[in-house]
C-alpha atoms as a PDB file:
ATOM      1  CA  MET A   1       0.217   0.231  -0.217  1.00  0.00           C
ATOM      2  CA  LYS A   2       1.449   3.309  -1.276  1.00  0.00           C
ATOM      3  CA  LEU A   3       1.025   6.276   1.470  1.00  0.00           C
ATOM      4  CA  SER A   4      -0.790   9.536   0.308  1.00  0.00           C
ATOM      5  CA  PRO A   5       1.447  12.166   0.355  1.00  0.00           C
ATOM      6  CA  ARG A   6      -0.325  13.541   3.604  1.00  0.00           C
ATOM      7  CA  LYS A   7       0.348  10.848   5.113  1.00  0.00           C
ATOM      8  CA  ALA A   8       3.464  10.077   4.190  1.00  0.00           C
ATOM      9  CA  LEU A   9       4.339  12.885   6.468  1.00  0.00           C
ATOM     10  CA  SER A  10       3.018  11.521   8.928  1.00  0.00           C
ATOM     11  CA  VAL A  11       5.655   8.838   8.944  1.00  0.00           C
ATOM     12  CA  ALA A  12       8.385  11.653   8.016  1.00  0.00           C
ATOM     13  CA  LYS A  13       7.683  13.354  10.800  1.00  0.00           C
ATOM     14  CA  ALA A  14       8.191  10.601  13.365  1.00  0.00           C
ATOM     15  CA  ARG A  15      11.632   9.774  11.488  1.00  0.00           C
ATOM     16  CA  GLU A  16      13.205  13.338  11.784  1.00  0.00           C
ATOM     17  CA  ILE A  17      12.276  13.271  15.797  1.00  0.00           C
ATOM     18  CA  LEU A  18      14.095   9.976  16.310  1.00  0.00           C
ATOM     19  CA  THR A  19      16.926  11.290  13.638  1.00  0.00           C
ATOM     20  CA  HIS A  20      17.048  14.321  16.003  1.00  0.00           C
ATOM     21  CA  LEU A  21      17.074  12.586  19.436  1.00  0.00           C
ATOM     22  CA  GLN A  22      19.973   9.724  17.675  1.00  0.00           C
ATOM     23  CA  ILE A  23      17.857   6.497  18.493  1.00  0.00           C
ATOM     24  CA  GLU A  24      19.406   3.555  17.031  1.00  0.00           C
ATOM     25  CA  GLU A  25      17.787   0.593  19.443  1.00  0.00           C
ATOM     26  CA  PRO A  26      14.288  -0.006  20.077  1.00  0.00           C
ATOM     27  CA  ASP A  27      15.238  -0.212  23.784  1.00  0.00           C
ATOM     28  CA  GLU A  28      16.235   3.735  23.375  1.00  0.00           C
ATOM     29  CA  ILE A  29      12.501   4.406  22.329  1.00  0.00           C
ATOM     30  CA  GLN A  30      11.004   5.869  25.730  1.00  0.00           C
ATOM     31  CA  VAL A  31       7.770   7.388  24.832  1.00  0.00           C
ATOM     32  CA  GLU A  32       7.847   9.411  28.320  1.00  0.00           C
ATOM     33  CA  ARG A  33      11.161  10.729  27.872  1.00  0.00           C
ATOM     34  CA  ILE A  34      11.001  12.026  23.948  1.00  0.00           C
ATOM     35  CA  ALA A  35       7.596  13.800  25.201  1.00  0.00           C
ATOM     36  CA  ALA A  36       9.419  15.219  28.497  1.00  0.00           C
ATOM     37  CA  TYR A  37      12.442  16.661  25.398  1.00  0.00           C
ATOM     38  CA  TYR A  38       9.785  18.112  23.611  1.00  0.00           C
ATOM     39  CA  GLY A  39       7.755  19.922  26.879  1.00  0.00           C
ATOM     40  CA  ILE A  40       4.836  17.620  27.095  1.00  0.00           C
ATOM     41  CA  GLU A  41       3.997  16.202  30.538  1.00  0.00           C
ATOM     42  CA  THR A  42       2.628  12.303  30.539  1.00  0.00           C
ATOM     43  CA  ARG A  43       0.585  11.469  33.390  1.00  0.00           C
ATOM     44  CA  GLU A  44      -1.493   8.714  34.344  1.00  0.00           C
ATOM     45  CA  ASP A  45      -5.133   9.487  36.042  1.00  0.00           C
ATOM     46  CA  ASP A  46      -8.798   8.050  35.725  1.00  0.00           C
ATOM     47  CA  LEU A  47     -10.570   8.496  32.841  1.00  0.00           C
ATOM     48  CA  GLU A  48     -14.122   7.557  31.506  1.00  0.00           C
ATOM     49  CA  GLY A  49     -14.987   6.233  27.781  1.00  0.00           C
ATOM     50  CA  MET A  50     -10.911   7.064  26.807  1.00  0.00           C
ATOM     51  CA  ASP A  51      -7.500   5.659  26.632  1.00  0.00           C
ATOM     52  CA  GLY A  52      -5.425   8.787  26.597  1.00  0.00           C
ATOM     53  CA  ARG A  53      -6.564  12.602  26.556  1.00  0.00           C
ATOM     54  CA  ILE A  54      -4.313  15.370  25.647  1.00  0.00           C
ATOM     55  CA  VAL A  55      -4.523  19.176  26.136  1.00  0.00           C
ATOM     56  CA  ARG A  56      -2.199  21.712  24.728  1.00  0.00           C
ATOM     57  CA  ASN A  57      -1.269  24.515  27.019  1.00  0.00           C
ATOM     58  CA  ALA A  58       1.155  27.057  26.708  1.00  0.00           C
ATOM     59  CA  ALA A  59       4.015  25.555  27.971  1.00  0.00           C
ATOM     60  CA  GLY A  60       3.472  22.401  25.620  1.00  0.00           C
ATOM     61  CA  ALA A  61       1.038  19.902  26.211  1.00  0.00           C
ATOM     62  CA  ILE A  62      -0.702  17.104  28.881  1.00  0.00           C
ATOM     63  CA  ILE A  63      -0.515  13.110  28.006  1.00  0.00           C
ATOM     64  CA  THR A  64      -2.929  11.717  30.264  1.00  0.00           C
ATOM     65  CA  VAL A  65      -2.909   7.697  29.906  1.00  0.00           C
ATOM     66  CA  ARG A  66      -5.872   5.868  31.845  1.00  0.00           C
ATOM     67  CA  SER A  67      -4.363   4.064  34.699  1.00  0.00           C
ATOM     68  CA  ASP A  68      -6.209   0.907  34.515  1.00  0.00           C
ATOM     69  CA  ILE A  69      -4.416  -0.062  31.036  1.00  0.00           C
ATOM     70  CA  SER A  70      -1.918  -2.791  32.668  1.00  0.00           C
ATOM     71  CA  PHE A  71      -0.675  -3.955  29.311  1.00  0.00           C
ATOM     72  CA  GLU A  72       2.618  -1.871  28.704  1.00  0.00           C
ATOM     73  CA  PRO A  73       2.863  -1.913  24.958  1.00  0.00           C
ATOM     74  CA  GLN A  74      -0.703  -0.096  24.791  1.00  0.00           C
ATOM     75  CA  LYS A  75       0.361   2.596  27.129  1.00  0.00           C
ATOM     76  CA  ARG A  76       3.213   3.095  24.856  1.00  0.00           C
ATOM     77  CA  PHE A  77       0.827   3.118  21.939  1.00  0.00           C
ATOM     78  CA  VAL A  78      -1.083   5.726  23.475  1.00  0.00           C
ATOM     79  CA  ILE A  79       1.380   8.019  23.793  1.00  0.00           C
ATOM     80  CA  ALA A  80       3.182   7.952  20.957  1.00  0.00           C
ATOM     81  CA  HIS A  81      -0.348   8.401  19.067  1.00  0.00           C
ATOM     82  CA  GLU A  82      -1.344  11.393  20.710  1.00  0.00           C
ATOM     83  CA  LEU A  83       2.351  12.719  20.191  1.00  0.00           C
ATOM     84  CA  GLY A  84       0.756  12.247  16.592  1.00  0.00           C
ATOM     85  CA  HIS A  85      -1.601  14.767  17.177  1.00  0.00           C
ATOM     86  CA  PHE A  86       0.545  17.220  18.836  1.00  0.00           C
ATOM     87  CA  PHE A  87       3.338  17.161  16.231  1.00  0.00           C
ATOM     88  CA  LEU A  88       1.019  16.602  13.280  1.00  0.00           C
ATOM     89  CA  HIS A  89      -2.451  18.311  14.140  1.00  0.00           C
ATOM     90  CA  PRO A  90      -1.212  21.638  15.536  1.00  0.00           C
ATOM     91  CA  LYS A  91      -4.251  23.678  14.621  1.00  0.00           C
ATOM     92  CA  THR A  92      -6.921  21.778  14.787  1.00  0.00           C
ATOM     93  CA  ARG A  93      -8.079  20.812  18.790  1.00  0.00           C
ATOM     94  CA  GLN A  94      -6.707  22.084  21.878  1.00  0.00           C
ATOM     95  CA  ILE A  95      -7.668  18.459  23.115  1.00  0.00           C
ATOM     96  CA  GLU A  96      -7.339  15.395  21.518  1.00  0.00           C
ATOM     97  CA  THR A  97      -8.899  11.998  22.998  1.00  0.00           C
ATOM     98  CA  VAL A  98      -7.650   8.350  21.747  1.00  0.00           C
ATOM     99  CA  THR A  99      -9.936   4.997  22.615  1.00  0.00           C
ATOM    100  CA  SER A 100      -8.385   1.989  21.934  1.00  0.00           C
ATOM    101  CA  SER A 101     -10.987   0.770  19.352  1.00  0.00           C
ATOM    102  CA  GLU A 102      -9.081   3.675  17.417  1.00  0.00           C
ATOM    103  CA  THR A 103      -5.909   2.922  17.586  1.00  0.00           C
ATOM    104  CA  SER A 104      -6.044  -0.776  16.805  1.00  0.00           C
ATOM    105  CA  ASN A 105      -8.625   0.800  13.606  1.00  0.00           C
ATOM    106  CA  TRP A 106      -6.424   1.087  10.664  1.00  0.00           C
ATOM    107  CA  SER A 107      -9.628   1.478   8.231  1.00  0.00           C
ATOM    108  CA  GLU A 108      -9.154   4.237   5.366  1.00  0.00           C
ATOM    109  CA  LYS A 109     -12.509   5.349   6.616  1.00  0.00           C
ATOM    110  CA  GLN A 110     -11.547   6.419  10.441  1.00  0.00           C
ATOM    111  CA  GLU A 111     -10.994   9.919  10.568  1.00  0.00           C
ATOM    112  CA  VAL A 112      -8.144  10.974   8.789  1.00  0.00           C
ATOM    113  CA  GLU A 113      -6.148  12.446  11.879  1.00  0.00           C
ATOM    114  CA  GLU A 114      -6.525   9.508  13.655  1.00  0.00           C
ATOM    115  CA  TYR A 115      -5.312   7.374  10.870  1.00  0.00           C
ATOM    116  CA  GLU A 116      -1.915   9.612  10.469  1.00  0.00           C
ATOM    117  CA  ALA A 117      -1.842   9.719  14.354  1.00  0.00           C
ATOM    118  CA  ASN A 118      -1.510   5.599  14.611  1.00  0.00           C
ATOM    119  CA  LEU A 119       1.105   6.008  11.175  1.00  0.00           C
ATOM    120  CA  PHE A 120       3.323   8.459  13.333  1.00  0.00           C
ATOM    121  CA  ALA A 121       3.077   6.245  16.510  1.00  0.00           C
ATOM    122  CA  ALA A 122       4.275   3.515  14.835  1.00  0.00           C
ATOM    123  CA  GLU A 123       6.946   4.561  12.944  1.00  0.00           C
ATOM    124  CA  LEU A 124       7.950   5.963  16.151  1.00  0.00           C
ATOM    125  CA  LEU A 125       8.250   2.700  18.198  1.00  0.00           C
ATOM    126  CA  MET A 126       8.981   1.091  15.252  1.00  0.00           C
ATOM    127  CA  PRO A 127      11.618   2.677  13.155  1.00  0.00           C
ATOM    128  CA  ARG A 128      11.853   1.221   9.470  1.00  0.00           C
ATOM    129  CA  ALA A 129      15.744   1.942  10.030  1.00  0.00           C
ATOM    130  CA  ILE A 130      15.724  -0.604  13.054  1.00  0.00           C
ATOM    131  CA  PHE A 131      12.360  -2.644  12.153  1.00  0.00           C
ATOM    132  CA  ALA A 132      13.316  -3.603   8.187  1.00  0.00           C
ATOM    133  CA  PRO A 133      16.740  -5.377   8.646  1.00  0.00           C
ATOM    134  CA  ARG A 134      14.635  -7.879  10.939  1.00  0.00           C
ATOM    135  CA  LEU A 135      12.534  -8.690   8.221  1.00  0.00           C
ATOM    136  CA  ILE A 136      15.316 -10.503   5.516  1.00  0.00           C
ATOM    137  CA  GLU A 137      15.370 -13.702   5.145  1.00  0.00           C
ATOM    138  CA  ALA A 138      12.605 -14.271   7.879  1.00  0.00           C
ATOM    139  CA  ASP A 139       9.341 -16.142   6.035  1.00  0.00           C
ATOM    140  CA  PRO A 140       6.039 -13.698   6.696  1.00  0.00           C
ATOM    141  CA  SER A 141       3.844 -15.260   9.881  1.00  0.00           C
ATOM    142  CA  LEU A 142       2.429 -13.856  12.849  1.00  0.00           C
ATOM    143  CA  ARG A 143       4.557 -15.721  14.999  1.00  0.00           C
ATOM    144  CA  PHE A 144       7.602 -13.775  13.695  1.00  0.00           C
ATOM    145  CA  ILE A 145       5.267 -10.550  14.271  1.00  0.00           C
ATOM    146  CA  GLU A 146       4.511 -11.541  17.925  1.00  0.00           C
ATOM    147  CA  THR A 147       8.073 -11.962  18.445  1.00  0.00           C
ATOM    148  CA  LEU A 148       8.954  -8.522  17.230  1.00  0.00           C
ATOM    149  CA  SER A 149       5.806  -7.148  19.452  1.00  0.00           C
ATOM    150  CA  LYS A 150       8.167  -7.959  22.041  1.00  0.00           C
ATOM    151  CA  ASP A 151      11.458  -6.812  20.922  1.00  0.00           C
ATOM    152  CA  PHE A 152       9.559  -3.258  20.725  1.00  0.00           C
ATOM    153  CA  GLN A 153       7.419  -3.327  23.394  1.00  0.00           C
ATOM    154  CA  THR A 154       4.642  -2.289  20.881  1.00  0.00           C
ATOM    155  CA  THR A 155       0.601  -3.906  20.542  1.00  0.00           C
ATOM    156  CA  PHE A 156       0.219  -6.810  18.231  1.00  0.00           C
ATOM    157  CA  THR A 157      -1.891  -5.115  15.742  1.00  0.00           C
ATOM    158  CA  ALA A 158       0.338  -2.167  15.165  1.00  0.00           C
ATOM    159  CA  THR A 159       3.446  -4.745  14.623  1.00  0.00           C
ATOM    160  CA  ALA A 160       1.292  -6.309  12.165  1.00  0.00           C
ATOM    161  CA  VAL A 161       1.301  -3.369  10.404  1.00  0.00           C
ATOM    162  CA  GLN A 162       4.054  -1.842  10.156  1.00  0.00           C
ATOM    163  CA  PHE A 163       5.300  -5.375   9.518  1.00  0.00           C
ATOM    164  CA  VAL A 164       2.959  -5.261   6.147  1.00  0.00           C
ATOM    165  CA  LEU A 165       4.208  -1.486   5.591  1.00  0.00           C
ATOM    166  CA  THR A 166       8.222  -2.812   5.198  1.00  0.00           C
ATOM    167  CA  THR A 167       8.111  -5.758   4.094  1.00  0.00           C
ATOM    168  CA  ALA A 168       9.307  -6.139   0.561  1.00  0.00           C
ATOM    169  CA  GLU A 169       7.168  -9.734   0.358  1.00  0.00           C
ATOM    170  CA  GLU A 170       3.655 -10.249  -1.109  1.00  0.00           C
ATOM    171  CA  CYS A 171       1.557  -9.583   2.033  1.00  0.00           C
ATOM    172  CA  ALA A 172      -1.691  -8.602   3.389  1.00  0.00           C
ATOM    173  CA  LEU A 173      -3.410  -7.988   6.465  1.00  0.00           C
ATOM    174  CA  LEU A 174      -7.061  -8.610   7.024  1.00  0.00           C
ATOM    175  CA  SER A 175      -9.159  -7.466  10.484  1.00  0.00           C
ATOM    176  CA  CYS A 176     -12.443  -9.396  10.744  1.00  0.00           C
ATOM    177  CA  ALA A 177     -15.056  -9.584  12.997  1.00  0.00           C
ATOM    178  CA  ASN A 178     -18.693 -11.732  12.966  1.00  0.00           C
ATOM    179  CA  ARG A 179     -17.793 -12.953   9.647  1.00  0.00           C
ATOM    180  CA  THR A 180     -17.472  -9.206   8.407  1.00  0.00           C
ATOM    181  CA  ARG A 181     -14.008  -8.203   7.445  1.00  0.00           C
ATOM    182  CA  LEU A 182     -13.458  -4.305   8.994  1.00  0.00           C
ATOM    183  CA  TRP A 183     -10.411  -3.288   7.071  1.00  0.00           C
ATOM    184  CA  GLY A 184      -7.354  -4.327   5.328  1.00  0.00           C
ATOM    185  CA  MET A 185      -4.331  -3.023   4.534  1.00  0.00           C
ATOM    186  CA  LYS A 186      -1.559  -4.206   1.507  1.00  0.00           C
ATOM    187  CA  SER A 187       2.548  -4.493   1.393  1.00  0.00           C
ATOM    188  CA  PRO A 188       4.036  -1.936  -1.433  1.00  0.00           C
ATOM    189  CA  GLY A 189       4.621  -4.920  -3.496  1.00  0.00           C
ATOM    190  CA  PHE A 190       1.509  -6.419  -3.186  1.00  0.00           C
ATOM    191  CA  SER A 191       0.184  -6.987  -6.575  1.00  0.00           C
ATOM    192  CA  PHE A 192      -3.782  -7.976  -6.485  1.00  0.00           C
ATOM    193  CA  GLU A 193      -6.609  -7.080  -5.635  1.00  0.00           C
ATOM    194  CA  LEU A 194      -8.395  -8.014  -2.761  1.00  0.00           C
ATOM    195  CA  LEU A 195     -12.123  -8.748  -2.341  1.00  0.00           C
ATOM    196  CA  GLU A 196     -14.597  -6.247  -1.773  1.00  0.00           C
ATOM    197  CA  GLU A 197     -14.999  -5.482   2.370  1.00  0.00           C
ATOM    198  CA  GLY A 198     -16.916  -7.118   4.527  1.00  0.00           C
ATOM    199  CA  TYR A 199     -16.492 -10.557   2.926  1.00  0.00           C
ATOM    200  CA  VAL A 200     -15.429 -13.552   4.672  1.00  0.00           C
ATOM    201  CA  HIS A 201     -15.373 -17.081   3.145  1.00  0.00           C
ATOM    202  CA  GLY A 202     -16.442 -19.232   5.381  1.00  0.00           C
ATOM    203  CA  HIS A 203     -13.653 -22.187   4.116  1.00  0.00           C
ATOM    204  CA  SER A 204     -11.037 -19.480   5.522  1.00  0.00           C
ATOM    205  CA  CYS A 205      -8.978 -19.175   8.457  1.00  0.00           C
ATOM    206  CA  ALA A 206     -10.043 -16.253   9.545  1.00  0.00           C
ATOM    207  CA  ALA A 207     -13.725 -17.631   9.812  1.00  0.00           C
ATOM    208  CA  GLU A 208     -12.724 -20.807  11.157  1.00  0.00           C
ATOM    209  CA  VAL A 209     -10.202 -18.933  13.839  1.00  0.00           C
ATOM    210  CA  MET A 210     -13.663 -16.784  15.187  1.00  0.00           C
ATOM    211  CA  LYS A 211     -15.336 -20.264  15.565  1.00  0.00           C
ATOM    212  CA  THR A 212     -12.332 -21.880  17.787  1.00  0.00           C
ATOM    213  CA  ARG A 213     -10.803 -19.065  18.349  1.00  0.00           C
ATOM    214  CA  ARG A 214      -7.379 -20.812  17.979  1.00  0.00           C
ATOM    215  CA  PRO A 215      -4.787 -19.536  15.905  1.00  0.00           C
ATOM    216  CA  VAL A 216      -4.894 -21.437  12.729  1.00  0.00           C
ATOM    217  CA  ARG A 217      -2.521 -21.212   9.864  1.00  0.00           C
ATOM    218  CA  ASP A 218      -2.888 -23.096   6.116  1.00  0.00           C
ATOM    219  CA  SER A 219      -2.537 -22.801   2.828  1.00  0.00           C
ATOM    220  CA  VAL A 220      -6.326 -21.547   1.218  1.00  0.00           C
ATOM    221  CA  GLU A 221      -7.519 -21.111  -1.910  1.00  0.00           C
ATOM    222  CA  ALA A 222      -6.817 -17.741  -3.513  1.00  0.00           C
ATOM    223  CA  GLY A 223     -10.110 -17.276  -4.948  1.00  0.00           C
ATOM    224  CA  TYR A 224     -11.323 -17.138  -1.140  1.00  0.00           C
ATOM    225  CA  TRP A 225      -9.505 -13.836  -0.612  1.00  0.00           C
ATOM    226  CA  LEU A 226      -8.598 -12.103  -3.526  1.00  0.00           C
ATOM    227  CA  ARG A 227     -10.119 -10.984  -7.071  1.00  0.00           C
ATOM    228  CA  GLY A 228      -9.994 -12.786 -10.115  1.00  0.00           C
ATOM    229  CA  PHE A 229      -9.702 -16.056  -8.909  1.00  0.00           C
ATOM    230  CA  TYR A 230     -12.900 -17.168  -8.476  1.00  0.00           C
ATOM    231  CA  HIS A 231     -13.469 -21.001  -8.784  1.00  0.00           C
ATOM    232  CA  ASP A 232      -9.495 -22.025  -9.508  1.00  0.00           C
ATOM    233  CA  THR A 233      -8.836 -24.226  -6.927  1.00  0.00           C
ATOM    234  CA  LYS A 234      -5.083 -24.541  -8.005  1.00  0.00           C
ATOM    235  CA  SER A 235      -3.823 -21.420  -6.766  1.00  0.00           C
ATOM    236  CA  MET A 236      -2.789 -21.401  -3.261  1.00  0.00           C
ATOM    237  CA  ILE A 237      -1.993 -18.484  -0.862  1.00  0.00           C
ATOM    238  CA  VAL A 238      -0.657 -18.639   2.981  1.00  0.00           C
ATOM    239  CA  GLU A 239      -3.600 -17.665   6.291  1.00  0.00           C
ATOM    240  CA  ASP A 240      -2.391 -17.113   9.132  1.00  0.00           C
ATOM    241  CA  SER A 241      -4.885 -15.658  11.656  1.00  0.00           C
ATOM    242  CA  ARG A 242      -5.740 -15.311  15.558  1.00  0.00           C
ATOM    243  CA  TYR A 243      -8.628 -14.335  17.915  1.00  0.00           C
ATOM    244  CA  PHE A 244      -8.088 -11.552  20.313  1.00  0.00           C
ATOM    245  CA  PRO A 245     -10.804 -11.789  22.704  1.00  0.00           C
ATOM    246  CA  THR A 246      -9.887  -8.626  24.516  1.00  0.00           C
ATOM    247  CA  LEU A 247     -10.984  -7.082  20.271  1.00  0.00           C
ATOM    248  CA  GLY A 248     -13.360  -9.553  19.845  1.00  0.00           C
ATOM    249  CA  ARG A 249     -11.872  -9.141  15.739  1.00  0.00           C
ATOM    250  CA  SER A 250      -9.227 -11.325  14.236  1.00  0.00           C
ATOM    251  CA  LEU A 251      -6.516 -11.014  12.408  1.00  0.00           C
ATOM    252  CA  SER A 252      -4.982 -12.681   9.156  1.00  0.00           C
ATOM    253  CA  LEU A 253      -2.029 -12.506   7.402  1.00  0.00           C
ATOM    254  CA  LEU A 254      -1.486 -13.282   3.677  1.00  0.00           C
ATOM    255  CA  TRP A 255       1.333 -14.324   1.648  1.00  0.00           C
ATOM    256  CA  ILE A 256       1.811 -14.772  -1.774  1.00  0.00           C
ATOM    257  CA  ASN A 257       4.109 -17.766  -1.723  1.00  0.00           C
ATOM    258  CA  GLU A 258       4.402 -18.599  -5.120  1.00  0.00           C
ATOM    259  CA  ASP A 259       3.781 -17.650  -8.528  1.00  0.00           C
ATOM    260  CA  LEU A 260      -0.292 -17.276  -8.598  1.00  0.00           C
ATOM    261  CA  GLY A 261       0.316 -16.375 -12.779  1.00  0.00           C
END
């Protein structure tokens, strides 16, 4: 997926900050310190109906994270997301809020400012310069993405998105719930078209994992997900699916691992 010029600026801004701070390793990406460097205070407090909030003031800004979030990668992403609003949207609203549904939503149909803040956060927490070399010679899989998420202390969804945006392999990431596709994302070199939004084939791994709640990885007919392969039972792709109960949805990684002609 090629980013629009405006969305590409979100990634470029995160890289500018990383370069300025001379960050070269995952353990150097300490979002609270990055925020403090730019005059932004971070704190935790009781918040209702949101995971985080940024309030701009004369001195800079204050980012507040919901205190009962126990998952550290989610806290980090919330802070990075709000930093994205601070740097990318200084003239919009003085108060910006974010929920878990927004930080895990990568649909092009959502509010563009939220998508941009997510892109900024993903790049800030998983810089391409550090992230990309780890993908070399690694077969695409959700297990590998899980390893990356532990190395970078990032949420699984954000790590999967950054993987697909970075990999040289032909991959796509799909989020599904209740036999409905919520959003999809293709790698830059993905040369096929996905079927219309909302469609989940009953024999796909996504459909199976939503029933069993158990991870599934298998070769499936390309026509389950891709246009142009209707009734083609010979063209196969790899589908790797997991269900995430806290989100109430599944993620499927598609990999074109052979020539589909």
